[in-house]
Amino acid sequence: MKATFYIAIVSFFLAFSCGSDDMQPGEMTSNPKNPVPQNPVPQNPNPQNPDPQNPVSAIKYLALGDSYTIGQNVCATCRFPAQLEVAIKQEMPGNAVDLEIIATTGWTTTNLLSAIQSSDLASDNDLVTLLIGVNNQYQNKPFSVYQTEFPQLVNRAVTLGRNDKNNVIVISIPDYAFTPYAQNSPNAPLITQELQQYNDFAAAYCASEGIKFVYITDITQSGIQNPWLVASDGLHPSQSAYALFVERILPRALEALDD
């Protein structure tokens, strides 16, 4: 009799606890077999990047220079460092690029050295570009100043690039003799001659130190035949000219980032 009573009690509780699985409108199921999360996580359509809001890695790019780096008279996204940033992201999907520019129109090697020394710059940059020297020539500074300070700037660039010379790219100085601004001057041939001296020194130094050197001067020497290569101020490179710079710089930048 007692056994029958206990069986009846157990059967009652089992029947009470095992209700229907059917949900009424507006109800939230608590069935542990099919839990409904309070904050569903959206599926990522890009399998290369698990979290679109937080890319796999951020490439730190530091651009050092003067008006040719800051992009005088072109838009912020038109200057070559910004175009290079976009090109790198296209070639390396899933990576963000953290671009920092230390450059001002009119800076000489002396000015850039001073700016670097007075700035609290990180030394963990994956890529550093250096384009400097035109204002040394334009302001008639002794060439010996460039001979002394350019190597110092390259060394600082290496230090800022994780102390790895493979992360540094030096870019040749554009030739502003081939612009409407300089063509009105009888000194245009001398400008070209002097800038060639600067570029020859930079190229030789980079070769001796194993530093990447990208020559873009010839692009700017087409500025008279191709006016679209010159910005509206008649002196600085245009967005299109900077795009041609990037075509040459990008392969070397990818080499640096692959090391």
Protein backbone atom coordinates (compact mmCIF):
# COMPACT_ATOMS: atom_id res chain seq x y z
CA MET A 1 0.00 0.00 0.00
CA LYS A 2 2.82 2.37 0.94
CA ALA A 3 4.69 1.53 -2.27
CA THR A 4 1.61 2.34 -4.31
CA PHE A 5 1.25 5.65 -2.44
CA TYR A 6 4.87 6.69 -3.07
CA ILE A 7 4.60 5.78 -6.76
CA ALA A 8 1.52 7.96 -7.02
CA ILE A 9 3.29 10.90 -5.36
CA VAL A 10 6.34 10.63 -7.67
CA SER A 11 4.13 10.34 -10.73
CA PHE A 12 2.30 13.48 -9.63
CA PHE A 13 5.48 15.59 -9.34
CA LEU A 14 6.87 14.29 -12.65
CA ALA A 15 3.66 15.17 -14.42
CA PHE A 16 3.66 18.65 -12.81
CA SER A 17 7.28 19.48 -13.72
CA CYS A 18 7.15 18.28 -17.34
CA GLY A 19 4.88 20.85 -18.91
CA SER A 20 4.38 21.49 -22.63
CA ASP A 21 7.29 22.78 -24.75
CA ASP A 22 4.89 24.98 -26.72
CA MET A 23 5.54 28.75 -26.22
CA GLN A 24 2.75 31.23 -25.90
CA PRO A 25 3.11 34.58 -27.74
CA GLY A 26 5.43 36.93 -25.90
CA GLU A 27 7.07 34.25 -23.77
CA MET A 28 10.87 33.67 -23.49
CA THR A 29 11.83 30.02 -23.30
CA SER A 30 14.04 28.82 -20.45
CA ASN A 31 14.56 25.42 -21.99
CA PRO A 32 18.28 24.64 -21.41
CA LYS A 33 18.33 22.61 -24.61
CA ASN A 34 17.58 25.70 -26.71
CA PRO A 35 18.69 28.77 -24.74
CA VAL A 36 18.02 32.20 -26.23
CA PRO A 37 20.88 34.61 -25.45
CA GLN A 38 19.95 38.01 -24.08
CA ASN A 39 22.38 39.75 -26.49
CA PRO A 40 22.76 37.67 -29.66
CA VAL A 41 26.20 38.06 -31.30
CA PRO A 42 25.90 38.94 -35.03
CA GLN A 43 27.66 36.68 -37.46
CA ASN A 44 30.78 38.16 -39.07
CA PRO A 45 30.50 38.13 -42.88
CA ASN A 46 34.29 38.49 -43.23
CA PRO A 47 36.00 35.29 -42.06
CA GLN A 48 39.44 36.92 -42.38
CA ASN A 49 38.64 39.29 -39.53
CA PRO A 50 36.86 37.72 -36.55
CA ASP A 51 35.78 41.12 -35.20
CA PRO A 52 35.24 43.95 -37.71
CA GLN A 53 35.37 46.50 -34.89
CA ASN A 54 38.76 45.22 -33.70
CA PRO A 55 41.00 44.30 -36.66
CA VAL A 56 43.47 41.46 -36.35
CA SER A 57 46.35 43.90 -35.97
CA ALA A 58 47.19 47.57 -36.40
CA ILE A 59 50.17 48.56 -38.53
CA LYS A 60 51.90 51.62 -37.09
CA TYR A 61 53.17 53.94 -39.84
CA LEU A 62 55.19 57.08 -39.11
CA ALA A 63 55.79 59.58 -41.95
CA LEU A 64 58.59 62.12 -41.45
CA GLY A 65 59.21 65.05 -43.75
CA ASP A 66 58.21 68.50 -44.97
CA SER A 67 55.60 69.91 -47.37
CA TYR A 68 55.90 66.87 -49.63
CA THR A 69 54.83 64.64 -46.75
CA ILE A 70 52.17 66.86 -45.20
CA GLY A 71 50.77 67.38 -48.70
CA GLN A 72 50.83 71.13 -49.16
CA ASN A 73 47.86 72.32 -51.24
CA VAL A 74 46.19 68.89 -51.51
CA CYS A 75 43.53 67.31 -49.31
CA ALA A 76 44.38 65.28 -46.21
CA THR A 77 43.54 62.02 -47.95
CA CYS A 78 45.43 63.03 -51.11
CA ARG A 79 48.96 63.25 -49.66
CA PHE A 80 51.15 60.26 -50.25
CA PRO A 81 51.19 58.88 -46.67
CA ALA A 82 47.38 58.76 -46.64
CA GLN A 83 47.27 57.13 -50.08
CA LEU A 84 49.91 54.64 -48.94
CA GLU A 85 47.80 53.86 -45.88
CA VAL A 86 44.84 52.97 -48.09
CA ALA A 87 47.01 50.90 -50.44
CA ILE A 88 48.46 48.90 -47.54
CA LYS A 89 45.01 48.13 -46.18
CA GLN A 90 43.91 46.96 -49.61
CA GLU A 91 46.92 44.67 -49.91
CA MET A 92 46.69 43.44 -46.31
CA PRO A 93 42.96 43.07 -45.55
CA GLY A 94 42.07 42.65 -41.91
CA ASN A 95 44.76 45.09 -40.81
CA ALA A 96 44.23 48.65 -39.68
CA VAL A 97 46.91 51.27 -40.31
CA ASP A 98 47.69 53.78 -37.58
CA LEU A 99 49.23 56.73 -39.47
CA GLU A 100 51.16 59.51 -37.72
CA ILE A 101 52.70 62.39 -39.67
CA ILE A 102 55.52 64.58 -38.37
CA ALA A 103 55.98 67.15 -41.13
CA THR A 104 55.48 70.86 -41.80
CA THR A 105 55.84 72.96 -44.91
CA GLY A 106 59.22 74.70 -44.96
CA TRP A 107 61.03 72.30 -42.66
CA THR A 108 64.72 71.65 -43.23
CA THR A 109 66.64 68.69 -41.85
CA THR A 110 67.41 70.86 -38.80
CA ASN A 111 63.72 71.55 -38.19
CA LEU A 112 62.74 67.91 -38.52
CA LEU A 113 65.47 66.78 -36.15
CA SER A 114 64.30 69.33 -33.60
CA ALA A 115 60.67 68.23 -33.97
CA ILE A 116 61.56 64.57 -33.45
CA GLN A 117 63.67 65.37 -30.40
CA SER A 118 60.90 67.44 -28.82
CA SER A 119 58.14 64.94 -29.57
CA ASP A 120 57.29 61.91 -27.50
CA LEU A 121 57.27 59.49 -30.43
CA ALA A 122 56.76 55.77 -29.98
CA SER A 123 59.59 53.53 -31.13
CA ASP A 124 57.40 50.57 -32.11
CA ASN A 125 56.49 51.72 -35.61
CA ASP A 126 56.24 48.98 -38.23
CA LEU A 127 56.99 51.40 -41.08
CA VAL A 128 58.77 54.76 -41.22
CA THR A 129 59.13 56.92 -44.34
CA LEU A 130 61.53 59.86 -44.61
CA LEU A 131 61.42 62.55 -47.30
CA ILE A 132 63.46 65.64 -46.45
CA GLY A 133 65.96 68.08 -47.91
CA VAL A 134 64.24 70.32 -50.43
CA ASN A 135 64.13 73.26 -48.02
CA ASN A 136 67.83 72.93 -47.29
CA GLN A 137 68.39 73.58 -50.99
CA TYR A 138 65.60 76.17 -51.31
CA GLN A 139 66.85 78.15 -48.30
CA ASN A 140 70.45 77.97 -49.53
CA LYS A 141 71.69 76.07 -46.51
CA PRO A 142 75.25 74.74 -46.83
CA PHE A 143 75.18 71.26 -48.33
CA SER A 144 77.36 70.15 -45.43
CA VAL A 145 74.34 70.59 -43.13
CA TYR A 146 72.47 67.96 -45.11
CA GLN A 147 75.52 65.69 -45.16
CA THR A 148 75.60 65.83 -41.37
CA GLU A 149 71.91 65.81 -40.50
CA PHE A 150 70.48 63.40 -43.07
CA PRO A 151 72.35 60.41 -41.57
CA GLN A 152 71.16 61.51 -38.13
CA LEU A 153 67.57 61.52 -39.37
CA VAL A 154 67.94 58.08 -40.91
CA ASN A 155 69.32 56.76 -37.62
CA ARG A 156 66.41 58.30 -35.73
CA ALA A 157 64.00 56.75 -38.20
CA VAL A 158 65.57 53.34 -37.60
CA THR A 159 65.23 53.81 -33.84
CA LEU A 160 61.57 54.78 -34.25
CA GLY A 161 61.01 51.76 -36.49
CA ARG A 162 61.60 49.13 -33.80
CA ASN A 163 65.34 49.65 -34.22
CA ASP A 164 65.08 47.72 -37.49
CA LYS A 165 66.48 49.33 -40.65
CA ASN A 166 64.24 47.07 -42.74
CA ASN A 167 61.27 49.12 -41.52
CA VAL A 168 62.60 52.40 -42.95
CA ILE A 169 62.05 53.80 -46.46
CA VAL A 170 63.79 56.96 -47.68
CA ILE A 171 62.11 58.75 -50.59
CA SER A 172 64.03 60.97 -53.01
CA ILE A 173 63.40 64.71 -53.15
CA PRO A 174 60.99 65.89 -55.88
CA ASP A 175 62.38 68.34 -58.44
CA TYR A 176 60.37 71.56 -58.23
CA ALA A 177 62.32 73.03 -61.17
CA PHE A 178 59.72 71.38 -63.38
CA THR A 179 56.79 73.41 -62.07
CA PRO A 180 55.23 76.65 -63.31
CA TYR A 181 56.60 78.36 -60.21
CA ALA A 182 60.24 77.58 -60.99
CA GLN A 183 60.00 77.78 -64.75
CA ASN A 184 59.64 81.52 -64.39
CA SER A 185 63.09 81.59 -62.77
CA PRO A 186 66.43 81.51 -64.62
CA ASN A 187 67.69 79.23 -61.84
CA ALA A 188 65.63 76.19 -62.87
CA PRO A 189 68.66 74.26 -64.26
CA LEU A 190 70.61 75.00 -61.07
CA ILE A 191 67.72 73.73 -58.92
CA THR A 192 67.80 70.42 -60.73
CA GLN A 193 71.58 70.19 -60.44
CA GLU A 194 71.58 70.90 -56.71
CA LEU A 195 68.69 68.56 -55.91
CA GLN A 196 70.47 65.82 -57.84
CA GLN A 197 73.42 66.32 -55.49
CA TYR A 198 71.12 65.86 -52.49
CA ASN A 199 69.50 62.77 -53.95
CA ASP A 200 72.81 61.22 -54.96
CA PHE A 201 74.11 61.62 -51.42
CA ALA A 202 70.94 60.15 -49.89
CA ALA A 203 70.91 57.20 -52.29
CA ALA A 204 74.58 56.42 -51.66
CA TYR A 205 74.17 56.64 -47.89
CA CYS A 206 71.11 54.39 -47.92
CA ALA A 207 72.91 51.85 -50.10
CA SER A 208 75.85 51.75 -47.71
CA GLU A 209 73.56 51.29 -44.70
CA GLY A 210 71.12 48.82 -46.24
CA ILE A 211 68.19 51.26 -46.12
CA LYS A 212 65.41 51.13 -48.69
CA PHE A 213 65.53 54.08 -51.10
CA VAL A 214 62.70 54.88 -53.51
CA TYR A 215 63.42 57.27 -56.39
CA ILE A 216 60.42 59.37 -57.42
CA THR A 217 62.18 62.51 -58.69
CA ASP A 218 61.69 61.63 -62.34
CA ILE A 219 57.92 61.63 -61.83
CA THR A 220 58.02 65.29 -60.82
CA GLN A 221 60.34 66.13 -63.71
CA SER A 222 57.36 65.51 -66.00
CA GLY A 223 55.44 68.37 -64.40
CA ILE A 224 55.70 70.75 -67.34
CA GLN A 225 54.66 68.21 -69.97
CA ASN A 226 51.97 66.84 -67.62
CA PRO A 227 50.43 69.76 -65.68
CA TRP A 228 48.10 67.38 -63.83
CA LEU A 229 51.14 66.29 -61.80
CA VAL A 230 51.35 69.74 -60.19
CA ALA A 231 48.98 71.05 -57.52
CA SER A 232 46.93 74.20 -58.07
CA ASP A 233 49.60 76.33 -56.35
CA GLY A 234 51.91 75.64 -59.30
CA LEU A 235 54.66 74.30 -57.04
CA HIS A 236 53.83 71.14 -55.10
CA PRO A 237 52.88 67.67 -56.36
CA SER A 238 49.23 66.94 -57.02
CA GLN A 239 47.13 64.06 -55.76
CA SER A 240 47.85 62.26 -59.03
CA ALA A 241 51.60 62.72 -58.62
CA TYR A 242 51.41 61.32 -55.08
CA ALA A 243 49.49 58.32 -56.42
CA LEU A 244 52.44 57.61 -58.72
CA PHE A 245 54.77 57.95 -55.72
CA VAL A 246 52.72 55.31 -53.89
CA GLU A 247 52.95 52.90 -56.81
CA ARG A 248 56.71 52.83 -56.29
CA ILE A 249 56.70 52.98 -52.50
CA LEU A 250 54.08 50.30 -51.89
CA PRO A 251 56.16 47.25 -52.92
CA ARG A 252 58.98 48.31 -50.61
CA ALA A 253 56.50 49.01 -47.81
CA LEU A 254 55.02 45.52 -48.18
CA GLU A 255 58.55 44.09 -48.03
CA ALA A 256 59.10 45.94 -44.76
CA LEU A 257 55.82 44.75 -43.30
CA ASP A 258 56.47 41.15 -44.33
CA ASP A 259 59.86 41.01 -42.59
